[in-house]
Amino acid sequence: MKTDIILCGVGGQGILSIATIIGEAAMNENLYIKQAEVHGMSQRGGDVQSNLRISSDPIHSDLIPRGGADVIISMEPMEALRYIPYLNKEGWIITSSTPFVNIPNYPDMEVIKADLAKLPQVISINIEQMAKDNGVPRSANVILLGAAQKALGIEYEKLEDAIRRVFGRKGEAIVEANIKALALGREAQK
């Protein structure tokens, strides 16, 4: 088993929480895991990117080469496009469909949608609206994780268990909101 994941978005969207949940689930399965330095996390609204590598065999580098990513999980559609050169030919993009317009020359959304439509395996979901409509407004990132579950190759129950461990100290209400969000994402990708 080997899965190379690029997580991307902008600061404050929950990229690090997604990485923590995936990492916790992988470590609980006794898999090897390496995560590269996260860029931009110190600035809310700045771009954030992380390489997360999971394998049943030892991992020698924490960086994913161009054409090597199995999955890109993006909290922002333009950020998904930025990392396409790293996606392998059979790779998946799981992205929010809602832009986070943080630059004056943000590309037209129709152009972004057209570029994403050219790729063979894309799941694009309005996670922000789903989160609001379902009473979990702070868990849009976990909705996206639920949508990515099959592409990640991690059992759904393992992600649920990881959520319980990662958010357990924050209380049962936070745990349950994130479990609900994970389920919403899984249903949305079907």
N, C-alpha and C. Protein backbone atom coordinates (compact mmCIF):
# COMPACT_ATOMS: atom_id res chain seq x y z
N MET A 1 0.84 -1.18 0.00
CA MET A 1 0.00 0.00 0.00
C MET A 1 0.88 1.23 0.00
N LYS A 2 0.58 2.16 -0.91
CA LYS A 2 1.28 3.44 -0.96
C LYS A 2 0.31 4.49 -1.46
N THR A 3 0.21 5.58 -0.73
CA THR A 3 -0.62 6.70 -1.16
C THR A 3 0.13 7.99 -0.90
N ASP A 4 0.33 8.75 -1.96
CA ASP A 4 0.96 10.06 -1.87
C ASP A 4 -0.12 11.13 -2.04
N ILE A 5 -0.22 12.01 -1.05
CA ILE A 5 -1.31 12.98 -0.99
C ILE A 5 -0.75 14.39 -0.91
N ILE A 6 -1.29 15.27 -1.73
CA ILE A 6 -1.01 16.69 -1.59
C ILE A 6 -2.26 17.33 -1.01
N LEU A 7 -2.08 18.02 0.09
CA LEU A 7 -3.16 18.77 0.74
C LEU A 7 -2.89 20.25 0.48
N CYS A 8 -3.91 20.97 0.02
CA CYS A 8 -3.67 22.38 -0.28
C CYS A 8 -4.92 23.21 -0.03
N GLY A 9 -4.69 24.50 0.07
CA GLY A 9 -5.76 25.46 0.32
C GLY A 9 -5.14 26.76 0.75
N VAL A 10 -5.86 27.48 1.59
CA VAL A 10 -5.32 28.72 2.16
C VAL A 10 -5.36 28.63 3.67
N GLY A 11 -4.52 29.43 4.31
CA GLY A 11 -4.41 29.38 5.76
C GLY A 11 -5.74 29.58 6.45
N GLY A 12 -6.01 28.76 7.44
CA GLY A 12 -7.24 28.86 8.21
C GLY A 12 -8.36 27.97 7.73
N GLN A 13 -8.15 27.21 6.66
CA GLN A 13 -9.22 26.35 6.13
C GLN A 13 -9.24 24.94 6.72
N GLY A 14 -8.25 24.57 7.50
CA GLY A 14 -8.28 23.26 8.14
C GLY A 14 -7.44 22.19 7.46
N ILE A 15 -6.47 22.58 6.65
CA ILE A 15 -5.59 21.62 5.99
C ILE A 15 -4.83 20.78 7.02
N LEU A 16 -4.32 21.44 8.04
CA LEU A 16 -3.55 20.71 9.05
C LEU A 16 -4.41 19.70 9.81
N SER A 17 -5.68 20.03 10.02
CA SER A 17 -6.57 19.07 10.69
C SER A 17 -6.79 17.84 9.83
N ILE A 18 -6.97 18.03 8.52
CA ILE A 18 -7.12 16.90 7.62
C ILE A 18 -5.87 16.02 7.68
N ALA A 19 -4.70 16.65 7.62
CA ALA A 19 -3.44 15.90 7.67
C ALA A 19 -3.31 15.13 8.98
N THR A 20 -3.71 15.74 10.08
CA THR A 20 -3.63 15.08 11.38
C THR A 20 -4.54 13.86 11.44
N ILE A 21 -5.75 13.99 10.93
CA ILE A 21 -6.70 12.86 10.94
C ILE A 21 -6.17 11.71 10.07
N ILE A 22 -5.73 12.03 8.86
CA ILE A 22 -5.19 10.99 7.97
C ILE A 22 -3.97 10.33 8.63
N GLY A 23 -3.08 11.14 9.17
CA GLY A 23 -1.88 10.60 9.81
C GLY A 23 -2.20 9.71 10.99
N GLU A 24 -3.16 10.11 11.79
CA GLU A 24 -3.58 9.31 12.95
C GLU A 24 -4.15 7.97 12.49
N ALA A 25 -4.98 7.99 11.46
CA ALA A 25 -5.57 6.75 10.94
C ALA A 25 -4.48 5.84 10.39
N ALA A 26 -3.51 6.40 9.68
CA ALA A 26 -2.43 5.60 9.10
C ALA A 26 -1.53 5.01 10.19
N MET A 27 -1.18 5.80 11.18
CA MET A 27 -0.32 5.30 12.25
C MET A 27 -1.02 4.21 13.05
N ASN A 28 -2.32 4.33 13.21
CA ASN A 28 -3.08 3.30 13.93
C ASN A 28 -3.10 1.98 13.17
N GLU A 29 -2.86 2.04 11.87
CA GLU A 29 -2.78 0.84 11.03
C GLU A 29 -1.33 0.35 10.90
N ASN A 30 -0.43 0.94 11.67
CA ASN A 30 0.99 0.60 11.63
C ASN A 30 1.61 0.84 10.26
N LEU A 31 1.12 1.87 9.58
CA LEU A 31 1.70 2.25 8.30
C LEU A 31 2.78 3.29 8.54
N TYR A 32 3.69 3.40 7.60
CA TYR A 32 4.70 4.45 7.65
C TYR A 32 4.08 5.73 7.13
N ILE A 33 4.51 6.84 7.69
CA ILE A 33 3.98 8.13 7.26
C ILE A 33 5.08 9.18 7.32
N LYS A 34 5.09 10.04 6.31
CA LYS A 34 6.00 11.19 6.30
C LYS A 34 5.19 12.38 5.81
N GLN A 35 5.43 13.52 6.44
CA GLN A 35 4.77 14.75 6.03
C GLN A 35 5.83 15.81 5.82
N ALA A 36 5.74 16.47 4.67
CA ALA A 36 6.69 17.54 4.36
C ALA A 36 6.28 18.81 5.08
N GLU A 37 7.20 19.75 5.09
CA GLU A 37 6.92 21.05 5.68
C GLU A 37 5.69 21.67 5.04
N VAL A 38 4.88 22.28 5.86
CA VAL A 38 3.69 22.98 5.38
C VAL A 38 4.07 24.43 5.13
N HIS A 39 3.72 24.94 3.97
CA HIS A 39 4.09 26.31 3.60
C HIS A 39 2.92 27.25 3.79
N GLY A 40 3.18 28.43 4.29
CA GLY A 40 2.18 29.48 4.36
C GLY A 40 1.23 29.40 5.53
N MET A 41 1.38 28.42 6.41
CA MET A 41 0.38 28.25 7.46
C MET A 41 0.38 29.38 8.48
N SER A 42 1.46 30.15 8.52
CA SER A 42 1.52 31.22 9.50
C SER A 42 0.66 32.42 9.11
N GLN A 43 0.18 32.45 7.88
CA GLN A 43 -0.59 33.59 7.42
C GLN A 43 -1.99 33.14 7.03
N ARG A 44 -2.99 33.57 7.81
CA ARG A 44 -4.37 33.26 7.46
C ARG A 44 -4.65 33.88 6.09
N GLY A 45 -5.15 33.08 5.16
CA GLY A 45 -5.42 33.55 3.81
C GLY A 45 -4.28 33.31 2.84
N GLY A 46 -3.09 32.96 3.35
CA GLY A 46 -1.96 32.62 2.48
C GLY A 46 -2.08 31.18 2.01
N ASP A 47 -1.39 30.84 0.92
CA ASP A 47 -1.50 29.47 0.42
C ASP A 47 -0.80 28.49 1.36
N VAL A 48 -1.42 27.31 1.49
CA VAL A 48 -0.91 26.26 2.37
C VAL A 48 -0.82 24.99 1.54
N GLN A 49 0.28 24.29 1.67
CA GLN A 49 0.45 23.03 0.95
C GLN A 49 1.26 22.07 1.81
N SER A 50 0.88 20.82 1.76
CA SER A 50 1.59 19.80 2.51
C SER A 50 1.65 18.52 1.69
N ASN A 51 2.78 17.85 1.76
CA ASN A 51 2.94 16.51 1.16
C ASN A 51 2.76 15.50 2.28
N LEU A 52 1.88 14.54 2.08
CA LEU A 52 1.64 13.50 3.07
C LEU A 52 1.80 12.16 2.36
N ARG A 53 2.75 11.38 2.82
CA ARG A 53 3.04 10.10 2.18
C ARG A 53 2.77 8.97 3.18
N ILE A 54 2.00 7.98 2.73
CA ILE A 54 1.62 6.84 3.56
C ILE A 54 2.01 5.57 2.81
N SER A 55 2.59 4.61 3.53
CA SER A 55 3.02 3.38 2.85
C SER A 55 3.13 2.24 3.85
N SER A 56 2.97 1.04 3.33
CA SER A 56 3.22 -0.16 4.15
C SER A 56 4.71 -0.46 4.21
N ASP A 57 5.50 0.18 3.36
CA ASP A 57 6.96 0.03 3.34
C ASP A 57 7.60 1.34 3.80
N PRO A 58 8.84 1.27 4.27
CA PRO A 58 9.51 2.51 4.69
C PRO A 58 9.52 3.56 3.58
N ILE A 59 9.41 4.81 3.98
CA ILE A 59 9.38 5.95 3.06
C ILE A 59 10.70 6.69 3.23
N HIS A 60 11.37 6.96 2.12
CA HIS A 60 12.70 7.56 2.21
C HIS A 60 12.69 9.08 2.04
N SER A 61 11.66 9.62 1.44
CA SER A 61 11.59 11.07 1.25
C SER A 61 10.21 11.56 1.62
N ASP A 62 10.15 12.75 2.17
CA ASP A 62 8.84 13.30 2.52
C ASP A 62 8.24 14.15 1.40
N LEU A 63 8.97 14.33 0.31
CA LEU A 63 8.48 15.13 -0.80
C LEU A 63 7.94 14.25 -1.93
N ILE A 64 6.84 14.65 -2.49
CA ILE A 64 6.22 13.94 -3.60
C ILE A 64 6.76 14.53 -4.90
N PRO A 65 7.30 13.68 -5.79
CA PRO A 65 7.83 14.21 -7.06
C PRO A 65 6.70 14.59 -8.02
N ARG A 66 7.05 15.39 -9.02
CA ARG A 66 6.09 15.71 -10.08
C ARG A 66 5.57 14.41 -10.68
N GLY A 67 4.26 14.35 -10.88
CA GLY A 67 3.64 13.16 -11.45
C GLY A 67 3.49 12.01 -10.47
N GLY A 68 3.76 12.24 -9.19
CA GLY A 68 3.75 11.16 -8.21
C GLY A 68 2.57 11.14 -7.26
N ALA A 69 1.77 12.20 -7.20
CA ALA A 69 0.66 12.26 -6.24
C ALA A 69 -0.50 11.38 -6.69
N ASP A 70 -1.00 10.61 -5.76
CA ASP A 70 -2.19 9.79 -6.03
C ASP A 70 -3.47 10.59 -5.81
N VAL A 71 -3.40 11.54 -4.89
CA VAL A 71 -4.58 12.32 -4.50
C VAL A 71 -4.16 13.76 -4.22
N ILE A 72 -4.97 14.69 -4.70
CA ILE A 72 -4.86 16.09 -4.29
C ILE A 72 -6.17 16.42 -3.59
N ILE A 73 -6.06 16.81 -2.33
CA ILE A 73 -7.22 17.26 -1.56
C ILE A 73 -7.06 18.76 -1.40
N SER A 74 -8.01 19.51 -1.98
CA SER A 74 -7.87 20.96 -1.99
C SER A 74 -9.11 21.64 -1.42
N MET A 75 -8.87 22.51 -0.47
CA MET A 75 -9.96 23.29 0.12
C MET A 75 -10.36 24.46 -0.76
N GLU A 76 -9.69 24.60 -1.90
CA GLU A 76 -9.91 25.76 -2.77
C GLU A 76 -9.62 25.35 -4.21
N PRO A 77 -10.52 25.62 -5.17
CA PRO A 77 -10.34 25.09 -6.53
C PRO A 77 -9.10 25.58 -7.27
N MET A 78 -8.73 26.86 -7.13
CA MET A 78 -7.53 27.33 -7.82
C MET A 78 -6.28 26.64 -7.28
N GLU A 79 -6.26 26.39 -5.98
CA GLU A 79 -5.11 25.70 -5.38
C GLU A 79 -4.99 24.28 -5.93
N ALA A 80 -6.12 23.62 -6.22
CA ALA A 80 -6.07 22.28 -6.82
C ALA A 80 -5.34 22.34 -8.15
N LEU A 81 -5.66 23.35 -8.95
CA LEU A 81 -5.02 23.49 -10.26
C LEU A 81 -3.52 23.74 -10.14
N ARG A 82 -3.12 24.45 -9.12
CA ARG A 82 -1.70 24.77 -8.93
C ARG A 82 -0.84 23.50 -8.83
N TYR A 83 -1.42 22.42 -8.29
CA TYR A 83 -0.63 21.21 -8.03
C TYR A 83 -0.87 20.09 -9.04
N ILE A 84 -1.61 20.36 -10.11
CA ILE A 84 -1.84 19.34 -11.14
C ILE A 84 -0.54 18.72 -11.67
N PRO A 85 0.55 19.48 -11.86
CA PRO A 85 1.78 18.85 -12.35
C PRO A 85 2.29 17.72 -11.44
N TYR A 86 1.84 17.70 -10.20
CA TYR A 86 2.28 16.66 -9.26
C TYR A 86 1.38 15.43 -9.29
N LEU A 87 0.23 15.52 -9.93
CA LEU A 87 -0.74 14.43 -9.95
C LEU A 87 -0.35 13.37 -10.97
N ASN A 88 -0.43 12.10 -10.58
CA ASN A 88 -0.16 11.05 -11.56
C ASN A 88 -1.36 10.88 -12.48
N LYS A 89 -1.17 10.15 -13.58
CA LYS A 89 -2.20 10.04 -14.61
C LYS A 89 -3.50 9.42 -14.12
N GLU A 90 -3.44 8.57 -13.10
CA GLU A 90 -4.63 7.94 -12.54
C GLU A 90 -5.09 8.62 -11.26
N GLY A 91 -4.47 9.72 -10.91
CA GLY A 91 -4.73 10.37 -9.63
C GLY A 91 -6.09 11.05 -9.55
N TRP A 92 -6.47 11.34 -8.32
CA TRP A 92 -7.75 11.97 -8.00
C TRP A 92 -7.53 13.39 -7.51
N ILE A 93 -8.45 14.27 -7.87
CA ILE A 93 -8.55 15.59 -7.25
C ILE A 93 -9.88 15.64 -6.53
N ILE A 94 -9.84 15.94 -5.25
CA ILE A 94 -11.04 16.14 -4.46
C ILE A 94 -10.94 17.58 -3.96
N THR A 95 -11.87 18.43 -4.40
CA THR A 95 -11.76 19.86 -4.12
C THR A 95 -13.08 20.49 -3.73
N SER A 96 -12.97 21.53 -2.98
CA SER A 96 -14.11 22.40 -2.74
C SER A 96 -14.41 23.12 -4.05
N SER A 97 -15.67 23.35 -4.32
CA SER A 97 -16.04 24.08 -5.54
C SER A 97 -16.13 25.58 -5.29
N THR A 98 -15.98 25.99 -4.05
CA THR A 98 -16.13 27.39 -3.68
C THR A 98 -14.78 28.09 -3.63
N PRO A 99 -14.61 29.14 -4.40
CA PRO A 99 -13.32 29.85 -4.38
C PRO A 99 -13.13 30.66 -3.10
N PHE A 100 -11.89 30.80 -2.72
CA PHE A 100 -11.48 31.71 -1.65
C PHE A 100 -10.68 32.80 -2.35
N VAL A 101 -11.36 33.87 -2.72
CA VAL A 101 -10.74 34.91 -3.54
C VAL A 101 -9.91 35.81 -2.64
N ASN A 102 -8.60 35.56 -2.65
CA ASN A 102 -7.69 36.28 -1.77
C ASN A 102 -6.61 37.05 -2.53
N ILE A 103 -6.77 37.10 -3.86
CA ILE A 103 -5.83 37.86 -4.68
C ILE A 103 -6.63 38.66 -5.71
N PRO A 104 -6.12 39.81 -6.12
CA PRO A 104 -6.88 40.66 -7.05
C PRO A 104 -7.07 40.05 -8.44
N ASN A 105 -6.17 39.21 -8.88
CA ASN A 105 -6.27 38.63 -10.21
C ASN A 105 -6.71 37.15 -10.17
N TYR A 106 -7.60 36.85 -9.23
CA TYR A 106 -8.12 35.47 -9.12
C TYR A 106 -8.75 35.09 -10.46
N PRO A 107 -8.42 33.89 -10.97
CA PRO A 107 -8.96 33.47 -12.28
C PRO A 107 -10.49 33.33 -12.27
N ASP A 108 -11.08 33.49 -13.43
CA ASP A 108 -12.52 33.31 -13.59
C ASP A 108 -12.89 31.87 -13.22
N MET A 109 -13.94 31.70 -12.45
CA MET A 109 -14.35 30.35 -12.01
C MET A 109 -14.73 29.44 -13.17
N GLU A 110 -15.25 30.00 -14.25
CA GLU A 110 -15.59 29.16 -15.42
C GLU A 110 -14.33 28.56 -16.03
N VAL A 111 -13.24 29.30 -16.02
CA VAL A 111 -11.96 28.78 -16.52
C VAL A 111 -11.45 27.67 -15.60
N ILE A 112 -11.55 27.89 -14.31
CA ILE A 112 -11.12 26.87 -13.34
C ILE A 112 -11.95 25.60 -13.51
N LYS A 113 -13.27 25.75 -13.61
CA LYS A 113 -14.15 24.59 -13.79
C LYS A 113 -13.80 23.83 -15.09
N ALA A 114 -13.54 24.57 -16.15
CA ALA A 114 -13.19 23.94 -17.44
C ALA A 114 -11.87 23.18 -17.33
N ASP A 115 -10.89 23.76 -16.64
CA ASP A 115 -9.61 23.07 -16.46
C ASP A 115 -9.77 21.81 -15.63
N LEU A 116 -10.58 21.87 -14.58
CA LEU A 116 -10.82 20.67 -13.76
C LEU A 116 -11.58 19.61 -14.55
N ALA A 117 -12.50 20.03 -15.40
CA ALA A 117 -13.31 19.09 -16.18
C ALA A 117 -12.47 18.30 -17.18
N LYS A 118 -11.28 18.79 -17.52
CA LYS A 118 -10.40 18.08 -18.45
C LYS A 118 -9.74 16.87 -17.80
N LEU A 119 -9.77 16.80 -16.49
CA LEU A 119 -9.10 15.72 -15.76
C LEU A 119 -10.03 14.54 -15.58
N PRO A 120 -9.49 13.33 -15.56
CA PRO A 120 -10.36 12.15 -15.54
C PRO A 120 -11.05 11.86 -14.21
N GLN A 121 -10.46 12.24 -13.08
CA GLN A 121 -11.01 11.85 -11.79
C GLN A 121 -11.05 13.05 -10.83
N VAL A 122 -12.17 13.75 -10.87
CA VAL A 122 -12.33 14.94 -10.04
C VAL A 122 -13.66 14.86 -9.29
N ILE A 123 -13.59 15.15 -8.01
CA ILE A 123 -14.79 15.33 -7.19
C ILE A 123 -14.74 16.77 -6.71
N SER A 124 -15.76 17.54 -7.09
CA SER A 124 -15.84 18.95 -6.71
C SER A 124 -17.16 19.16 -5.97
N ILE A 125 -17.06 19.62 -4.72
CA ILE A 125 -18.23 19.71 -3.84
C ILE A 125 -18.27 21.08 -3.18
N ASN A 126 -19.46 21.63 -3.06
CA ASN A 126 -19.63 22.87 -2.31
C ASN A 126 -19.68 22.52 -0.82
N ILE A 127 -18.53 22.27 -0.25
CA ILE A 127 -18.45 21.82 1.14
C ILE A 127 -18.88 22.89 2.13
N GLU A 128 -18.63 24.15 1.80
CA GLU A 128 -19.02 25.22 2.70
C GLU A 128 -20.53 25.27 2.87
N GLN A 129 -21.26 25.18 1.75
CA GLN A 129 -22.72 25.21 1.82
C GLN A 129 -23.25 23.96 2.52
N MET A 130 -22.66 22.80 2.20
CA MET A 130 -23.09 21.56 2.86
C MET A 130 -22.90 21.67 4.37
N ALA A 131 -21.77 22.22 4.78
CA ALA A 131 -21.47 22.35 6.21
C ALA A 131 -22.51 23.25 6.88
N LYS A 132 -22.83 24.40 6.25
CA LYS A 132 -23.83 25.31 6.82
C LYS A 132 -25.21 24.67 6.86
N ASP A 133 -25.61 24.04 5.74
CA ASP A 133 -26.94 23.43 5.65
C ASP A 133 -27.15 22.30 6.66
N ASN A 134 -26.06 21.67 7.09
CA ASN A 134 -26.17 20.51 7.98
C ASN A 134 -25.71 20.80 9.41
N GLY A 135 -25.56 22.06 9.74
CA GLY A 135 -25.27 22.45 11.11
C GLY A 135 -23.86 22.13 11.58
N VAL A 136 -22.91 22.00 10.64
CA VAL A 136 -21.51 21.75 11.02
C VAL A 136 -20.61 22.76 10.30
N PRO A 137 -20.85 24.05 10.49
CA PRO A 137 -20.15 25.07 9.69
C PRO A 137 -18.63 25.09 9.86
N ARG A 138 -18.13 24.56 10.96
CA ARG A 138 -16.68 24.56 11.18
C ARG A 138 -16.02 23.26 10.72
N SER A 139 -16.78 22.40 10.05
CA SER A 139 -16.26 21.09 9.66
C SER A 139 -16.28 20.86 8.16
N ALA A 140 -16.25 21.93 7.37
CA ALA A 140 -16.24 21.77 5.91
C ALA A 140 -15.03 20.96 5.46
N ASN A 141 -13.89 21.14 6.13
CA ASN A 141 -12.69 20.39 5.76
C ASN A 141 -12.89 18.89 5.95
N VAL A 142 -13.62 18.49 6.96
CA VAL A 142 -13.84 17.06 7.20
C VAL A 142 -14.85 16.50 6.21
N ILE A 143 -15.76 17.32 5.71
CA ILE A 143 -16.64 16.89 4.61
C ILE A 143 -15.77 16.52 3.41
N LEU A 144 -14.79 17.37 3.11
CA LEU A 144 -13.89 17.09 1.99
C LEU A 144 -13.09 15.80 2.23
N LEU A 145 -12.66 15.58 3.46
CA LEU A 145 -11.96 14.34 3.80
C LEU A 145 -12.87 13.13 3.57
N GLY A 146 -14.13 13.23 3.96
CA GLY A 146 -15.07 12.13 3.73
C GLY A 146 -15.23 11.82 2.25
N ALA A 147 -15.24 12.86 1.42
CA ALA A 147 -15.34 12.68 -0.03
C ALA A 147 -14.08 12.03 -0.60
N ALA A 148 -12.96 12.22 0.07
CA ALA A 148 -11.68 11.67 -0.40
C ALA A 148 -11.40 10.26 0.12
N GLN A 149 -12.19 9.76 1.01
CA GLN A 149 -11.91 8.50 1.71
C GLN A 149 -11.56 7.35 0.77
N LYS A 150 -12.36 7.10 -0.23
CA LYS A 150 -12.07 5.96 -1.13
C LYS A 150 -10.77 6.16 -1.89
N ALA A 151 -10.53 7.38 -2.36
CA ALA A 151 -9.29 7.66 -3.10
C ALA A 151 -8.07 7.48 -2.21
N LEU A 152 -8.22 7.72 -0.92
CA LEU A 152 -7.10 7.57 0.02
C LEU A 152 -6.76 6.12 0.30
N GLY A 153 -7.75 5.23 0.16
CA GLY A 153 -7.50 3.83 0.46
C GLY A 153 -7.47 3.53 1.95
N ILE A 154 -8.06 4.40 2.74
CA ILE A 154 -8.14 4.21 4.20
C ILE A 154 -9.59 3.87 4.52
N GLU A 155 -9.79 2.85 5.31
CA GLU A 155 -11.14 2.44 5.67
C GLU A 155 -11.87 3.58 6.38
N TYR A 156 -13.14 3.71 6.07
CA TYR A 156 -13.97 4.78 6.65
C TYR A 156 -13.94 4.73 8.18
N GLU A 157 -14.07 3.54 8.73
CA GLU A 157 -14.10 3.39 10.19
C GLU A 157 -12.79 3.85 10.83
N LYS A 158 -11.68 3.68 10.11
CA LYS A 158 -10.37 4.12 10.63
C LYS A 158 -10.32 5.64 10.71
N LEU A 159 -10.92 6.31 9.74
CA LEU A 159 -10.98 7.77 9.78
C LEU A 159 -11.89 8.23 10.92
N GLU A 160 -13.01 7.55 11.11
CA GLU A 160 -13.89 7.87 12.25
C GLU A 160 -13.13 7.74 13.57
N ASP A 161 -12.43 6.64 13.75
CA ASP A 161 -11.65 6.42 14.98
C ASP A 161 -10.60 7.52 15.16
N ALA A 162 -9.97 7.92 14.06
CA ALA A 162 -8.95 8.97 14.14
C ALA A 162 -9.58 10.30 14.55
N ILE A 163 -10.76 10.59 14.04
CA ILE A 163 -11.47 11.81 14.45
C ILE A 163 -11.74 11.78 15.95
N ARG A 164 -12.16 10.64 16.45
CA ARG A 164 -12.43 10.53 17.89
C ARG A 164 -11.16 10.81 18.71
N ARG A 165 -10.03 10.30 18.25
CA ARG A 165 -8.78 10.51 18.99
C ARG A 165 -8.28 11.95 18.85
N VAL A 166 -8.35 12.49 17.64
CA VAL A 166 -7.82 13.83 17.38
C VAL A 166 -8.65 14.91 18.09
N PHE A 167 -9.97 14.77 18.05
CA PHE A 167 -10.84 15.81 18.61
C PHE A 167 -11.41 15.46 19.99
N GLY A 168 -11.07 14.30 20.51
CA GLY A 168 -11.63 13.84 21.79
C GLY A 168 -11.49 14.83 22.92
N ARG A 169 -10.36 15.48 23.01
CA ARG A 169 -10.13 16.41 24.12
C ARG A 169 -10.96 17.69 23.99
N LYS A 170 -11.56 17.92 22.82
CA LYS A 170 -12.39 19.11 22.62
C LYS A 170 -13.84 18.88 22.99
N GLY A 171 -14.17 17.65 23.33
CA GLY A 171 -15.54 17.35 23.76
C GLY A 171 -16.34 16.57 22.75
N GLU A 172 -17.38 15.92 23.25
CA GLU A 172 -18.21 15.03 22.43
C GLU A 172 -18.93 15.78 21.30
N ALA A 173 -19.36 17.02 21.54
CA ALA A 173 -20.07 17.77 20.50
C ALA A 173 -19.17 18.01 19.28
N ILE A 174 -17.90 18.32 19.51
CA ILE A 174 -16.96 18.54 18.40
C ILE A 174 -16.70 17.23 17.67
N VAL A 175 -16.53 16.15 18.42
CA VAL A 175 -16.32 14.83 17.81
C VAL A 175 -17.51 14.48 16.93
N GLU A 176 -18.70 14.61 17.46
CA GLU A 176 -19.91 14.22 16.71
C GLU A 176 -20.11 15.10 15.48
N ALA A 177 -19.81 16.40 15.58
CA ALA A 177 -19.93 17.28 14.41
C ALA A 177 -18.99 16.82 13.29
N ASN A 178 -17.78 16.40 13.66
CA ASN A 178 -16.81 15.96 12.66
C ASN A 178 -17.15 14.57 12.11
N ILE A 179 -17.70 13.71 12.92
CA ILE A 179 -18.16 12.39 12.43
C ILE A 179 -19.30 12.61 11.42
N LYS A 180 -20.21 13.53 11.75
CA LYS A 180 -21.31 13.85 10.84
C LYS A 180 -20.76 14.42 9.52
N ALA A 181 -19.78 15.31 9.62
CA ALA A 181 -19.18 15.90 8.43
C ALA A 181 -18.52 14.84 7.56
N LEU A 182 -17.81 13.92 8.18
CA LEU A 182 -17.16 12.83 7.43
C LEU A 182 -18.21 12.03 6.65
N ALA A 183 -19.33 11.72 7.30
CA ALA A 183 -20.41 10.96 6.65
C ALA A 183 -21.02 11.76 5.50
N LEU A 184 -21.18 13.06 5.68
CA LEU A 184 -21.73 13.91 4.60
C LEU A 184 -20.83 13.85 3.38
N GLY A 185 -19.52 13.91 3.59
CA GLY A 185 -18.58 13.85 2.50
C GLY A 185 -18.60 12.51 1.79
N ARG A 186 -18.68 11.44 2.56
CA ARG A 186 -18.75 10.11 1.95
C ARG A 186 -19.98 9.98 1.08
N GLU A 187 -21.12 10.48 1.55
CA GLU A 187 -22.36 10.41 0.77
C GLU A 187 -22.29 11.28 -0.48
N ALA A 188 -21.64 12.43 -0.39
CA ALA A 188 -21.57 13.36 -1.51
C ALA A 188 -20.74 12.82 -2.67
N GLN A 189 -19.77 11.99 -2.40
CA GLN A 189 -18.90 11.48 -3.47
C GLN A 189 -19.47 10.26 -4.16
N LYS A 190 -20.58 9.76 -3.70
CA LYS A 190 -21.17 8.56 -4.34
C LYS A 190 -21.86 8.91 -5.63
